[in-house]
Amino acid sequence: MAIMEIQNVTLQTWLDALKAAAHAFIQTTYNSDGVAAASRQSNLPWDNTMGAWVPLVGEAFSLQLGLVSTDDGCQAIARRLLNLSPTAPLTEEDMADAIRETVNIIAGMSKTTIEGDISLSSLGLPLFIAGHIKITKEQAAVSEMINLGDQSCYLVVLKQR
């Protein structure tokens, strides 16, 4: 895919690639078929979300690929990734690290889906953020609620207009 083609890939195409990658992640990491999509959302409904964002930067474009949930959702996703029981102690640092790793894996798989074997962009370091998410008029975003196993979360693609 040429650079001109990659900068014209829609946000929805990136979101669909994230969703496919989340499905593959669940199959391999959780050894289950537990990704279920819900209705598309234009705005995230939670005032107190947390999750991780990975910048994807190309020569002529940049995006943020994210996975967000509630505190309980992030705790459960992290415990599942770390193969811990649902009641096992988990530090905030370990939870944040597990969520960053989850979104990094899913973003990397999405990048490969869109770009194939040719690297037209680079993934940055994942950043864990907790708080209210508000999309401004200077940004465009698409999101979709999915279930990772039995935890609801949102996959999000965000870019500056």
Foldseek 3Di string as FASTA:
>chain_A
DDPVVVQPDDQVLLQVLLLVLLQVCLCPQVVDRAKDWDDKDQFDDDQKKKAKWKWKDFPPFIKIKIKIAHPLLLLVQLCSNVVHPSPDDDDPVSSHVSRQVSRVSSSVSSQCVSPPPDDRIDIDRMDIDIGGDDDDPQKGKIKIWIQSRNGIMIIMMMGGD
